Amino acid sequence: MVSAGGPEQGPLKRQQIFLIEQPSRLHHYQQRTDEEGRFRFAGVPPGTYKLGDRMSGPPTWRLRVEAKPGQLVLLDLGPDNSTRVRDDYPGHP
């Protein structure tokens, strides 16, 4: 389970989130956050993924996520890991 938003802005309700395997882009997932800003990608095969909130246009988040077998990955999407502070894929569509 991960969440989008933060204490300053509150939860990001119904925010579209994408998870795309890198570099192959073979696996691609999308979810919307719930009313509390939470979202979950289940059944994701192990690998490296790009997590973002836009397929086109400037993203708010563009993070590298490593999914390992049997591991639960928790992320809080907020201002501290937005592309203004951290961009794991600069210049990447």
C-alpha atoms as a PDB file:
ATOM      1  CA  MET A   1       0.000   0.000   0.000  1.00  0.00           C
ATOM      2  CA  VAL A   2       1.341   3.411  -0.847  1.00  0.00           C
ATOM      3  CA  SER A   3      -0.116   6.855  -0.558  1.00  0.00           C
ATOM      4  CA  ALA A   4      -0.099  10.107  -2.478  1.00  0.00           C
ATOM      5  CA  GLY A   5      -0.276  13.488  -0.834  1.00  0.00           C
ATOM      6  CA  GLY A   6       1.107  14.771   2.397  1.00  0.00           C
ATOM      7  CA  PRO A   7       0.277  16.594   5.599  1.00  0.00           C
ATOM      8  CA  GLU A   8       0.497  20.008   3.935  1.00  0.00           C
ATOM      9  CA  GLN A   9      -1.707  19.219   0.960  1.00  0.00           C
ATOM     10  CA  GLY A  10      -3.850  16.365   2.267  1.00  0.00           C
ATOM     11  CA  PRO A  11      -4.485  13.144   0.318  1.00  0.00           C
ATOM     12  CA  LEU A  12      -4.563  13.251  -3.461  1.00  0.00           C
ATOM     13  CA  LYS A  13      -7.977  11.803  -4.190  1.00  0.00           C
ATOM     14  CA  ARG A  14      -8.528   9.888  -7.415  1.00  0.00           C
ATOM     15  CA  GLN A  15      -4.972  10.611  -8.662  1.00  0.00           C
ATOM     16  CA  GLN A  16      -3.889   8.433 -11.624  1.00  0.00           C
ATOM     17  CA  ILE A  17      -0.646   6.515 -10.905  1.00  0.00           C
ATOM     18  CA  PHE A  18       1.355   4.451 -13.429  1.00  0.00           C
ATOM     19  CA  LEU A  19       3.904   1.679 -12.864  1.00  0.00           C
ATOM     20  CA  ILE A  20       5.967   0.763 -15.951  1.00  0.00           C
ATOM     21  CA  GLU A  21       8.668  -1.915 -16.100  1.00  0.00           C
ATOM     22  CA  GLN A  22      12.076  -0.560 -17.131  1.00  0.00           C
ATOM     23  CA  PRO A  23      13.717  -0.663 -19.538  1.00  0.00           C
ATOM     24  CA  SER A  24      11.506  -3.153 -21.440  1.00  0.00           C
ATOM     25  CA  ARG A  25       8.116  -1.573 -20.645  1.00  0.00           C
ATOM     26  CA  LEU A  26       6.773  -5.136 -20.929  1.00  0.00           C
ATOM     27  CA  HIS A  27       4.628  -4.814 -17.792  1.00  0.00           C
ATOM     28  CA  HIS A  28       2.471  -1.723 -17.361  1.00  0.00           C
ATOM     29  CA  TYR A  29      -0.003  -1.036 -14.543  1.00  0.00           C
ATOM     30  CA  GLN A  30      -2.250   1.857 -13.612  1.00  0.00           C
ATOM     31  CA  GLN A  31      -4.342   2.672 -10.571  1.00  0.00           C
ATOM     32  CA  ARG A  32      -6.256   5.593  -9.127  1.00  0.00           C
ATOM     33  CA  THR A  33      -5.779   6.615  -5.547  1.00  0.00           C
ATOM     34  CA  ASP A  34      -8.790   6.193  -3.296  1.00  0.00           C
ATOM     35  CA  GLU A  35     -10.474   8.935  -1.261  1.00  0.00           C
ATOM     36  CA  GLU A  36      -7.634   8.726   1.298  1.00  0.00           C
ATOM     37  CA  GLY A  37      -4.891   8.992  -1.363  1.00  0.00           C
ATOM     38  CA  ARG A  38      -3.950   5.293  -1.054  1.00  0.00           C
ATOM     39  CA  PHE A  39      -3.188   2.941  -3.915  1.00  0.00           C
ATOM     40  CA  ARG A  40      -1.860  -0.567  -4.361  1.00  0.00           C
ATOM     41  CA  PHE A  41      -0.356  -2.535  -7.221  1.00  0.00           C
ATOM     42  CA  ALA A  42      -0.815  -6.265  -6.535  1.00  0.00           C
ATOM     43  CA  GLY A  43       0.758  -9.186  -8.377  1.00  0.00           C
ATOM     44  CA  VAL A  44       3.625  -7.164  -9.838  1.00  0.00           C
ATOM     45  CA  PRO A  45       6.473  -9.406 -11.073  1.00  0.00           C
ATOM     46  CA  PRO A  46       9.948  -8.717  -9.647  1.00  0.00           C
ATOM     47  CA  GLY A  47      11.903  -6.088 -11.547  1.00  0.00           C
ATOM     48  CA  THR A  48      12.683  -2.409 -11.907  1.00  0.00           C
ATOM     49  CA  TYR A  49       9.803  -0.023 -12.532  1.00  0.00           C
ATOM     50  CA  LYS A  50       9.184   3.656 -13.138  1.00  0.00           C
ATOM     51  CA  LEU A  51       6.375   5.018 -10.967  1.00  0.00           C
ATOM     52  CA  GLY A  52       4.799   8.251 -12.144  1.00  0.00           C
ATOM     53  CA  ASP A  53       1.577  10.169 -12.389  1.00  0.00           C
ATOM     54  CA  ARG A  54       1.629  11.215 -16.060  1.00  0.00           C
ATOM     55  CA  MET A  55       1.971   9.418 -19.384  1.00  0.00           C
ATOM     56  CA  SER A  56       2.444  12.772 -21.131  1.00  0.00           C
ATOM     57  CA  GLY A  57       3.213  16.235 -19.854  1.00  0.00           C
ATOM     58  CA  PRO A  58       5.337  17.147 -16.856  1.00  0.00           C
ATOM     59  CA  PRO A  59       4.985  14.595 -14.032  1.00  0.00           C
ATOM     60  CA  THR A  60       4.776  15.347 -10.335  1.00  0.00           C
ATOM     61  CA  TRP A  61       6.592  12.074  -9.536  1.00  0.00           C
ATOM     62  CA  ARG A  62       8.981   9.950 -11.576  1.00  0.00           C
ATOM     63  CA  LEU A  63      10.576   7.399  -9.252  1.00  0.00           C
ATOM     64  CA  ARG A  64      12.588   4.208  -9.696  1.00  0.00           C
ATOM     65  CA  VAL A  65      11.025   1.324  -7.765  1.00  0.00           C
ATOM     66  CA  GLU A  66      12.673  -2.072  -7.310  1.00  0.00           C
ATOM     67  CA  ALA A  67      10.211  -4.938  -6.778  1.00  0.00           C
ATOM     68  CA  LYS A  68      11.822  -8.026  -5.243  1.00  0.00           C
ATOM     69  CA  PRO A  69      10.183 -11.444  -4.748  1.00  0.00           C
ATOM     70  CA  GLY A  70       8.029 -11.509  -1.612  1.00  0.00           C
ATOM     71  CA  GLN A  71       8.821  -7.892  -0.738  1.00  0.00           C
ATOM     72  CA  LEU A  72       6.251  -5.209   0.021  1.00  0.00           C
ATOM     73  CA  VAL A  73       7.304  -1.747  -1.186  1.00  0.00           C
ATOM     74  CA  LEU A  74       5.823   1.224   0.660  1.00  0.00           C
ATOM     75  CA  LEU A  75       5.986   4.764  -0.726  1.00  0.00           C
ATOM     76  CA  ASP A  76       4.553   8.066   0.365  1.00  0.00           C
ATOM     77  CA  LEU A  77       4.230  10.372  -2.612  1.00  0.00           C
ATOM     78  CA  GLY A  78       4.581  13.946  -1.503  1.00  0.00           C
ATOM     79  CA  PRO A  79       6.585  17.118  -2.027  1.00  0.00           C
ATOM     80  CA  ASP A  80       9.787  15.537  -0.638  1.00  0.00           C
ATOM     81  CA  ASN A  81      10.060  13.057  -3.515  1.00  0.00           C
ATOM     82  CA  SER A  82       8.411  15.025  -6.304  1.00  0.00           C
ATOM     83  CA  THR A  83      10.330  15.772  -9.510  1.00  0.00           C
ATOM     84  CA  ARG A  84      11.201  19.195  -8.063  1.00  0.00           C
ATOM     85  CA  VAL A  85      13.405  17.392  -5.526  1.00  0.00           C
ATOM     86  CA  ARG A  86      14.004  13.930  -6.988  1.00  0.00           C
ATOM     87  CA  ASP A  87      13.699  12.732 -10.595  1.00  0.00           C
ATOM     88  CA  ASP A  88      15.029   9.210 -11.144  1.00  0.00           C
ATOM     89  CA  TYR A  89      14.424   9.443 -14.914  1.00  0.00           C
ATOM     90  CA  PRO A  90      15.391  12.985 -16.014  1.00  0.00           C
ATOM     91  CA  GLY A  91      14.658  13.575 -19.673  1.00  0.00           C
ATOM     92  CA  HIS A  92      12.754  10.268 -19.824  1.00  0.00           C
ATOM     93  CA  PRO A  93       9.262  10.282 -21.311  1.00  0.00           C
END
